[in-house]
């Protein structure tokens, strides 16, 4: 039986479609991985920002604490990065309103950053789940291995080299 032109065209179309889909899946995995890395960098930046807020607040606290505060209480108070816990120290109540306002502001900023982190973590979980699904559905181990190597490269990219122009 001779292959017909239509049959050859159909086979070519099916093979081309499969290759195109594989390429699209690979590109989607890499795009999702890049988005996930950007989110990771955003979370790292939020963590650093939170540290800065508490460093500045605790520095101001240290300067505002009266000289008669016991050394152990002062030390313990300055290690805390939680407004509710800071307020539990007896010496907190001896402080002036300006420093209390700074503690309140740090608390509000910390809550806002924590909320942002939760949103980012949820987005990142969805992205990672999508990447896993696409990897599992890749037709060949060779293709999966190539994509996994590219994923490692993306995940090891320094945040300073991640562009944020979406």
N, C-alpha and C. Protein backbone atom coordinates (compact mmCIF):
# COMPACT_ATOMS: atom_id res chain seq x y z
N UNK A 1 0.83 -1.17 0.00
CA UNK A 1 0.00 0.00 0.00
C UNK A 1 0.88 1.24 0.00
N UNK A 2 0.60 2.15 -0.89
CA UNK A 2 1.39 3.36 -1.03
C UNK A 2 0.90 4.41 -0.05
N UNK A 3 1.87 5.10 0.60
CA UNK A 3 1.43 6.19 1.46
C UNK A 3 0.88 7.33 0.61
N UNK A 4 -0.21 7.84 1.03
CA UNK A 4 -0.83 8.94 0.30
C UNK A 4 -0.23 10.26 0.78
N UNK A 5 -0.40 11.25 -0.01
CA UNK A 5 0.08 12.59 0.35
C UNK A 5 -0.62 13.05 1.61
N UNK A 6 -1.91 12.77 1.70
CA UNK A 6 -2.68 13.16 2.88
C UNK A 6 -2.15 12.46 4.13
N UNK A 7 -1.84 11.18 4.01
CA UNK A 7 -1.31 10.42 5.13
C UNK A 7 0.02 10.96 5.60
N UNK A 8 0.90 11.28 4.66
CA UNK A 8 2.21 11.85 5.01
C UNK A 8 2.03 13.22 5.68
N UNK A 9 1.10 14.00 5.16
CA UNK A 9 0.85 15.31 5.75
C UNK A 9 0.32 15.16 7.17
N UNK A 10 -0.56 14.21 7.37
CA UNK A 10 -1.15 13.98 8.70
C UNK A 10 -0.07 13.56 9.70
N UNK A 11 0.79 12.63 9.28
CA UNK A 11 1.87 12.18 10.16
C UNK A 11 2.81 13.34 10.48
N UNK A 12 3.16 14.14 9.48
CA UNK A 12 4.03 15.29 9.70
C UNK A 12 3.39 16.28 10.66
N UNK A 13 2.11 16.52 10.48
CA UNK A 13 1.40 17.46 11.35
C UNK A 13 1.41 16.97 12.80
N UNK A 14 1.14 15.68 13.00
CA UNK A 14 1.11 15.11 14.35
C UNK A 14 2.49 15.21 15.00
N UNK A 15 3.54 14.87 14.26
CA UNK A 15 4.90 14.96 14.80
C UNK A 15 5.27 16.40 15.13
N UNK A 16 4.94 17.33 14.23
CA UNK A 16 5.22 18.74 14.47
C UNK A 16 4.45 19.26 15.69
N UNK A 17 3.20 18.85 15.83
CA UNK A 17 2.37 19.27 16.97
C UNK A 17 2.97 18.79 18.28
N UNK A 18 3.44 17.54 18.30
CA UNK A 18 4.04 16.99 19.52
C UNK A 18 5.30 17.75 19.88
N UNK A 19 6.15 18.05 18.88
CA UNK A 19 7.37 18.78 19.17
C UNK A 19 7.06 20.19 19.64
N UNK A 20 6.07 20.82 19.03
CA UNK A 20 5.70 22.17 19.43
C UNK A 20 5.19 22.17 20.86
N UNK A 21 4.35 21.20 21.22
CA UNK A 21 3.81 21.12 22.58
C UNK A 21 4.93 20.89 23.59
N UNK A 22 5.89 20.00 23.25
CA UNK A 22 7.01 19.75 24.15
C UNK A 22 7.81 21.03 24.38
N UNK A 23 8.05 21.80 23.30
CA UNK A 23 8.79 23.05 23.41
C UNK A 23 8.03 24.07 24.23
N UNK A 24 6.71 24.12 24.05
CA UNK A 24 5.88 25.05 24.82
C UNK A 24 5.89 24.67 26.30
N UNK A 25 5.81 23.38 26.60
CA UNK A 25 5.85 22.93 28.00
C UNK A 25 7.19 23.29 28.64
N UNK A 26 8.26 23.09 27.89
CA UNK A 26 9.59 23.42 28.41
C UNK A 26 9.67 24.92 28.71
N UNK A 27 9.22 25.73 27.77
CA UNK A 27 9.26 27.19 27.97
C UNK A 27 8.37 27.61 29.14
N UNK A 28 7.23 26.96 29.28
CA UNK A 28 6.33 27.29 30.39
C UNK A 28 6.98 26.93 31.73
N UNK A 29 7.63 25.78 31.80
CA UNK A 29 8.31 25.37 33.03
C UNK A 29 9.37 26.40 33.40
N UNK A 30 10.14 26.83 32.43
CA UNK A 30 11.21 27.80 32.70
C UNK A 30 10.64 29.16 33.09
N UNK A 31 9.56 29.56 32.45
CA UNK A 31 8.92 30.83 32.80
C UNK A 31 8.36 30.77 34.22
N UNK A 32 7.70 29.68 34.57
CA UNK A 32 7.15 29.52 35.93
C UNK A 32 8.26 29.48 36.97
N UNK A 33 9.37 28.84 36.61
CA UNK A 33 10.51 28.78 37.53
C UNK A 33 11.10 30.17 37.74
N UNK A 34 11.19 30.96 36.68
CA UNK A 34 11.68 32.33 36.82
C UNK A 34 10.75 33.15 37.70
N UNK A 35 9.45 32.99 37.52
CA UNK A 35 8.48 33.70 38.36
C UNK A 35 8.63 33.28 39.81
N UNK A 36 8.82 32.00 40.04
CA UNK A 36 9.00 31.49 41.40
C UNK A 36 10.27 32.08 42.03
N UNK A 37 11.34 32.18 41.25
CA UNK A 37 12.60 32.75 41.77
C UNK A 37 12.42 34.22 42.11
N UNK A 38 11.67 34.94 41.28
CA UNK A 38 11.40 36.36 41.56
C UNK A 38 10.64 36.49 42.88
N UNK A 39 9.70 35.60 43.10
CA UNK A 39 8.93 35.63 44.35
C UNK A 39 9.85 35.34 45.54
N UNK A 40 10.74 34.37 45.36
CA UNK A 40 11.72 34.06 46.40
C UNK A 40 12.55 35.29 46.75
N UNK A 41 12.96 36.02 45.73
CA UNK A 41 13.76 37.23 45.94
C UNK A 41 12.93 38.31 46.64
N UNK A 42 11.67 38.42 46.28
CA UNK A 42 10.79 39.38 46.95
C UNK A 42 10.65 39.03 48.43
N UNK A 43 10.53 37.73 48.72
CA UNK A 43 10.41 37.32 50.12
C UNK A 43 11.71 37.60 50.88
N UNK A 44 12.84 37.36 50.25
CA UNK A 44 14.12 37.66 50.89
C UNK A 44 14.22 39.16 51.18
N UNK A 45 13.76 39.98 50.25
CA UNK A 45 13.80 41.43 50.45
C UNK A 45 12.88 41.84 51.59
N UNK A 46 11.72 41.21 51.69
CA UNK A 46 10.81 41.51 52.79
C UNK A 46 11.41 41.12 54.14
N UNK A 47 12.08 39.98 54.17
CA UNK A 47 12.75 39.54 55.41
C UNK A 47 13.82 40.54 55.81
N UNK A 48 14.60 40.99 54.84
CA UNK A 48 15.65 41.97 55.13
C UNK A 48 15.04 43.29 55.61
N UNK A 49 13.95 43.67 54.99
CA UNK A 49 13.27 44.91 55.38
C UNK A 49 12.75 44.80 56.81
N UNK A 50 12.20 43.65 57.15
CA UNK A 50 11.71 43.43 58.51
C UNK A 50 12.85 43.51 59.51
N UNK A 51 13.98 42.90 59.17
CA UNK A 51 15.16 42.96 60.04
C UNK A 51 15.59 44.41 60.25
N UNK A 52 15.59 45.20 59.17
CA UNK A 52 15.99 46.60 59.28
C UNK A 52 15.04 47.37 60.20
N UNK A 53 13.74 47.13 60.03
CA UNK A 53 12.75 47.82 60.86
C UNK A 53 13.01 47.53 62.32
N UNK A 54 13.21 46.25 62.66
CA UNK A 54 13.42 45.88 64.06
C UNK A 54 14.79 46.32 64.56
N UNK A 55 15.81 46.32 63.68
CA UNK A 55 17.12 46.82 64.10
C UNK A 55 17.03 48.29 64.49
N UNK A 56 16.36 49.07 63.66
CA UNK A 56 16.21 50.51 63.95
C UNK A 56 15.36 50.72 65.21
N UNK A 57 14.29 49.96 65.33
CA UNK A 57 13.41 50.10 66.49
C UNK A 57 14.16 49.73 67.77
N UNK A 58 14.88 48.63 67.74
CA UNK A 58 15.61 48.20 68.93
C UNK A 58 16.76 49.14 69.26
N UNK A 59 17.35 49.75 68.24
CA UNK A 59 18.40 50.74 68.49
C UNK A 59 17.80 51.97 69.19
N UNK A 60 16.62 52.39 68.72
CA UNK A 60 15.94 53.52 69.36
C UNK A 60 15.50 53.15 70.78
N UNK A 61 15.06 51.91 70.96
CA UNK A 61 14.68 51.44 72.29
C UNK A 61 15.87 51.49 73.24
N UNK A 62 17.00 51.02 72.75
CA UNK A 62 18.20 50.99 73.59
C UNK A 62 18.56 52.40 74.08
N UNK A 63 18.46 53.37 73.17
CA UNK A 63 18.79 54.75 73.54
C UNK A 63 17.75 55.34 74.49
N UNK A 64 16.50 54.88 74.36
CA UNK A 64 15.42 55.46 75.17
C UNK A 64 15.29 54.83 76.55
N UNK A 65 15.84 53.64 76.73
CA UNK A 65 15.69 52.97 78.03
C UNK A 65 16.43 53.74 79.12
N UNK A 66 15.79 53.89 80.26
CA UNK A 66 16.44 54.58 81.39
C UNK A 66 17.68 53.81 81.87
N UNK A 67 18.59 54.52 82.46
CA UNK A 67 19.84 53.91 82.95
C UNK A 67 19.61 52.91 84.07
N UNK A 68 18.50 53.05 84.79
CA UNK A 68 18.26 52.17 85.92
C UNK A 68 17.64 50.82 85.54
N UNK A 69 17.47 50.56 84.25
CA UNK A 69 16.92 49.26 83.82
C UNK A 69 18.01 48.20 84.00
N UNK A 70 17.62 47.08 84.61
CA UNK A 70 18.57 45.98 84.84
C UNK A 70 19.17 45.51 83.50
N UNK A 71 20.42 45.15 83.54
CA UNK A 71 21.15 44.74 82.33
C UNK A 71 20.49 43.54 81.65
N UNK A 72 20.06 42.54 82.43
CA UNK A 72 19.44 41.35 81.84
C UNK A 72 18.12 41.70 81.17
N UNK A 73 17.33 42.62 81.80
CA UNK A 73 16.05 43.01 81.21
C UNK A 73 16.30 43.78 79.91
N UNK A 74 17.27 44.67 79.96
CA UNK A 74 17.60 45.46 78.78
C UNK A 74 18.05 44.53 77.65
N UNK A 75 18.92 43.60 77.96
CA UNK A 75 19.43 42.65 76.97
C UNK A 75 18.30 41.83 76.37
N UNK A 76 17.44 41.31 77.23
CA UNK A 76 16.32 40.49 76.75
C UNK A 76 15.34 41.30 75.91
N UNK A 77 15.06 42.50 76.34
CA UNK A 77 14.12 43.35 75.63
C UNK A 77 14.63 43.68 74.23
N UNK A 78 15.92 43.92 74.12
CA UNK A 78 16.49 44.31 72.84
C UNK A 78 16.66 43.14 71.87
N UNK A 79 16.53 41.93 72.36
CA UNK A 79 16.59 40.75 71.49
C UNK A 79 15.24 40.46 70.85
N UNK A 80 14.19 41.00 71.44
CA UNK A 80 12.82 40.70 71.00
C UNK A 80 12.49 41.49 69.74
N UNK A 81 11.81 40.84 68.82
CA UNK A 81 11.36 41.49 67.58
C UNK A 81 9.86 41.27 67.43
N UNK A 82 9.18 41.61 68.52
CA UNK A 82 7.73 41.44 68.57
C UNK A 82 7.19 42.50 69.54
N UNK A 83 6.33 43.37 69.02
CA UNK A 83 5.83 44.49 69.82
C UNK A 83 5.08 44.03 71.06
N UNK A 84 4.25 43.00 70.93
CA UNK A 84 3.49 42.53 72.10
C UNK A 84 4.42 42.06 73.21
N UNK A 85 5.49 41.37 72.84
CA UNK A 85 6.43 40.90 73.86
C UNK A 85 7.22 42.06 74.46
N UNK A 86 7.57 43.03 73.64
CA UNK A 86 8.28 44.21 74.15
C UNK A 86 7.42 44.94 75.18
N UNK A 87 6.13 45.02 74.90
CA UNK A 87 5.22 45.72 75.81
C UNK A 87 5.07 45.01 77.16
N UNK A 88 5.45 43.76 77.23
CA UNK A 88 5.32 43.00 78.48
C UNK A 88 6.42 43.34 79.49
N UNK A 89 7.50 43.95 79.03
CA UNK A 89 8.58 44.31 79.94
C UNK A 89 8.14 45.50 80.80
N UNK A 90 8.49 45.46 82.06
CA UNK A 90 8.14 46.55 82.98
C UNK A 90 8.75 47.88 82.52
N UNK A 91 9.96 47.82 82.04
CA UNK A 91 10.64 49.05 81.64
C UNK A 91 9.97 49.72 80.44
N UNK A 92 9.22 48.96 79.64
CA UNK A 92 8.53 49.56 78.49
C UNK A 92 7.58 50.66 78.95
N UNK A 93 6.94 50.44 80.05
CA UNK A 93 5.94 51.39 80.55
C UNK A 93 6.57 52.68 81.07
N UNK A 94 7.89 52.68 81.27
CA UNK A 94 8.61 53.88 81.70
C UNK A 94 9.04 54.74 80.51
N UNK A 95 8.87 54.20 79.31
CA UNK A 95 9.33 54.90 78.11
C UNK A 95 8.36 56.00 77.71
N UNK A 96 8.89 56.97 76.97
CA UNK A 96 8.07 58.07 76.49
C UNK A 96 7.24 57.65 75.28
N UNK A 97 6.27 58.48 74.97
CA UNK A 97 5.37 58.19 73.85
C UNK A 97 6.08 58.07 72.50
N UNK A 98 7.08 58.89 72.20
CA UNK A 98 7.72 58.78 70.88
C UNK A 98 8.29 57.38 70.61
N UNK A 99 8.92 56.77 71.59
CA UNK A 99 9.47 55.42 71.36
C UNK A 99 8.36 54.39 71.28
N UNK A 100 7.30 54.58 72.05
CA UNK A 100 6.16 53.66 71.97
C UNK A 100 5.51 53.74 70.59
N UNK A 101 5.47 54.93 70.03
CA UNK A 101 4.94 55.10 68.67
C UNK A 101 5.81 54.34 67.67
N UNK A 102 7.14 54.38 67.86
CA UNK A 102 8.05 53.64 66.97
C UNK A 102 7.81 52.13 67.06
N UNK A 103 7.58 51.65 68.27
CA UNK A 103 7.30 50.22 68.45
C UNK A 103 5.98 49.86 67.76
N UNK A 104 4.98 50.71 67.94
CA UNK A 104 3.69 50.48 67.28
C UNK A 104 3.83 50.48 65.76
N UNK A 105 4.60 51.41 65.24
CA UNK A 105 4.82 51.48 63.79
C UNK A 105 5.56 50.25 63.29
N UNK A 106 6.57 49.82 64.02
CA UNK A 106 7.31 48.62 63.64
C UNK A 106 6.37 47.41 63.60
N UNK A 107 5.47 47.35 64.57
CA UNK A 107 4.50 46.26 64.62
C UNK A 107 3.61 46.28 63.37
N UNK A 108 3.09 47.45 63.02
CA UNK A 108 2.22 47.57 61.84
C UNK A 108 2.96 47.21 60.57
N UNK A 109 4.19 47.68 60.45
CA UNK A 109 4.99 47.36 59.27
C UNK A 109 5.28 45.86 59.21
N UNK A 110 5.57 45.28 60.36
CA UNK A 110 5.86 43.85 60.43
C UNK A 110 4.63 43.03 60.02
N UNK A 111 3.46 43.43 60.49
CA UNK A 111 2.22 42.74 60.10
C UNK A 111 2.00 42.83 58.59
N UNK A 112 2.21 44.02 58.03
CA UNK A 112 2.02 44.21 56.59
C UNK A 112 2.99 43.33 55.79
N UNK A 113 4.24 43.28 56.25
CA UNK A 113 5.23 42.46 55.56
C UNK A 113 4.89 40.97 55.69
N UNK A 114 4.40 40.57 56.85
CA UNK A 114 4.02 39.17 57.06
C UNK A 114 2.85 38.81 56.15
N UNK A 115 1.89 39.72 56.00
CA UNK A 115 0.77 39.47 55.09
C UNK A 115 1.27 39.32 53.66
N UNK A 116 2.17 40.19 53.26
CA UNK A 116 2.74 40.10 51.91
C UNK A 116 3.47 38.78 51.72
N UNK A 117 4.19 38.35 52.73
CA UNK A 117 4.91 37.07 52.66
C UNK A 117 3.94 35.91 52.46
N UNK A 118 2.83 35.93 53.19
CA UNK A 118 1.85 34.85 53.04
C UNK A 118 1.27 34.81 51.62
N UNK A 119 0.98 35.97 51.06
CA UNK A 119 0.46 36.03 49.69
C UNK A 119 1.50 35.48 48.71
N UNK A 120 2.74 35.91 48.88
CA UNK A 120 3.82 35.44 48.00
C UNK A 120 4.04 33.94 48.15
N UNK A 121 3.99 33.42 49.37
CA UNK A 121 4.17 31.99 49.58
C UNK A 121 3.07 31.18 48.89
N UNK A 122 1.85 31.69 48.93
CA UNK A 122 0.73 31.01 48.26
C UNK A 122 0.95 31.00 46.75
N UNK A 123 1.35 32.13 46.20
CA UNK A 123 1.64 32.20 44.76
C UNK A 123 2.76 31.25 44.38
N UNK A 124 3.80 31.25 45.20
CA UNK A 124 4.95 30.40 44.90
C UNK A 124 4.58 28.92 44.96
N UNK A 125 3.76 28.55 45.92
CA UNK A 125 3.33 27.15 46.02
C UNK A 125 2.60 26.72 44.75
N UNK A 126 1.72 27.60 44.24
CA UNK A 126 0.99 27.28 43.01
C UNK A 126 1.94 27.13 41.82
N UNK A 127 2.93 28.02 41.75
CA UNK A 127 3.90 27.94 40.66
C UNK A 127 4.69 26.63 40.74
N UNK A 128 5.15 26.29 41.93
CA UNK A 128 5.93 25.06 42.10
C UNK A 128 5.10 23.83 41.76
N UNK A 129 3.84 23.83 42.17
CA UNK A 129 2.95 22.72 41.83
C UNK A 129 2.78 22.60 40.31
N UNK A 130 2.64 23.73 39.63
CA UNK A 130 2.51 23.71 38.17
C UNK A 130 3.77 23.19 37.50
N UNK A 131 4.93 23.61 38.01
CA UNK A 131 6.20 23.14 37.45
C UNK A 131 6.31 21.63 37.62
N UNK A 132 5.98 21.14 38.80
CA UNK A 132 6.05 19.69 39.04
C UNK A 132 5.14 18.92 38.10
N UNK A 133 3.93 19.42 37.92
CA UNK A 133 2.98 18.76 37.03
C UNK A 133 3.51 18.71 35.60
N UNK A 134 4.03 19.83 35.13
CA UNK A 134 4.56 19.87 33.77
C UNK A 134 5.78 18.95 33.63
N UNK A 135 6.63 18.92 34.64
CA UNK A 135 7.80 18.03 34.58
C UNK A 135 7.38 16.56 34.54
N UNK A 136 6.41 16.21 35.36
CA UNK A 136 5.94 14.83 35.40
C UNK A 136 5.38 14.41 34.04
N UNK A 137 4.72 15.35 33.37
CA UNK A 137 4.07 15.04 32.10
C UNK A 137 4.98 15.15 30.89
N UNK A 138 6.24 15.46 31.10
CA UNK A 138 7.17 15.52 29.96
C UNK A 138 7.38 14.11 29.42
N UNK A 139 7.40 14.00 28.10
CA UNK A 139 7.42 12.66 27.49
C UNK A 139 8.72 11.89 27.65
N UNK A 140 9.85 12.58 27.85
CA UNK A 140 11.09 11.82 27.92
C UNK A 140 11.94 12.25 29.12
N UNK A 141 12.69 11.27 29.62
CA UNK A 141 13.60 11.54 30.74
C UNK A 141 14.70 12.51 30.31
N UNK A 142 15.15 12.39 29.06
CA UNK A 142 16.21 13.27 28.57
C UNK A 142 15.75 14.73 28.59
N UNK A 143 14.56 14.96 28.09
CA UNK A 143 14.03 16.32 28.06
C UNK A 143 13.84 16.85 29.50
N UNK A 144 13.32 16.00 30.37
CA UNK A 144 13.11 16.37 31.77
C UNK A 144 14.44 16.73 32.43
N UNK A 145 15.49 15.94 32.16
CA UNK A 145 16.80 16.21 32.75
C UNK A 145 17.38 17.53 32.26
N UNK A 146 17.21 17.83 30.98
CA UNK A 146 17.70 19.10 30.43
C UNK A 146 16.97 20.26 31.10
N UNK A 147 15.67 20.14 31.25
CA UNK A 147 14.88 21.20 31.87
C UNK A 147 15.25 21.34 33.35
N UNK A 148 15.47 20.23 34.03
CA UNK A 148 15.86 20.30 35.45
C UNK A 148 17.19 21.03 35.63
N UNK A 149 18.12 20.84 34.71
CA UNK A 149 19.40 21.55 34.79
C UNK A 149 19.19 23.05 34.62
N UNK A 150 18.31 23.41 33.70
CA UNK A 150 18.01 24.84 33.49
C UNK A 150 17.30 25.42 34.71
N UNK A 151 16.45 24.62 35.34
CA UNK A 151 15.75 25.04 36.56
C UNK A 151 16.78 25.32 37.67
N UNK A 152 17.75 24.42 37.83
CA UNK A 152 18.80 24.63 38.85
C UNK A 152 19.54 25.94 38.61
N UNK A 153 19.83 26.20 37.34
CA UNK A 153 20.53 27.45 37.00
C UNK A 153 19.69 28.66 37.41
N UNK A 154 18.42 28.63 37.11
CA UNK A 154 17.52 29.74 37.46
C UNK A 154 17.45 29.90 38.98
N UNK A 155 17.31 28.78 39.69
CA UNK A 155 17.19 28.83 41.14
C UNK A 155 18.47 29.32 41.81
N UNK A 156 19.60 29.16 41.15
CA UNK A 156 20.87 29.61 41.72
C UNK A 156 21.26 31.02 41.29
N UNK A 157 20.41 31.65 40.52
CA UNK A 157 20.68 33.01 40.07
C UNK A 157 20.52 33.97 41.25
N UNK A 158 21.49 34.82 41.43
CA UNK A 158 21.44 35.80 42.52
C UNK A 158 20.27 36.76 42.30
N UNK A 159 19.65 37.15 43.39
CA UNK A 159 18.50 38.05 43.30
C UNK A 159 18.86 39.37 42.63
N UNK A 160 20.11 39.79 42.78
CA UNK A 160 20.53 41.05 42.15
C UNK A 160 20.54 40.95 40.63
N UNK A 161 20.54 39.72 40.11
CA UNK A 161 20.55 39.52 38.65
C UNK A 161 19.16 39.19 38.10
N UNK A 162 18.19 39.14 38.99
CA UNK A 162 16.82 38.83 38.56
C UNK A 162 16.16 40.15 38.17
N UNK A 163 15.69 40.21 36.93
CA UNK A 163 15.00 41.44 36.50
C UNK A 163 13.55 41.38 36.96
N UNK A 164 13.03 42.55 37.23
CA UNK A 164 11.65 42.63 37.75
C UNK A 164 10.80 43.50 36.83
N UNK A 165 10.88 43.22 35.54
CA UNK A 165 10.11 44.03 34.59
C UNK A 165 9.02 43.19 33.94
N UNK A 166 8.01 42.88 34.75
CA UNK A 166 6.87 42.10 34.21
C UNK A 166 5.78 43.03 33.76
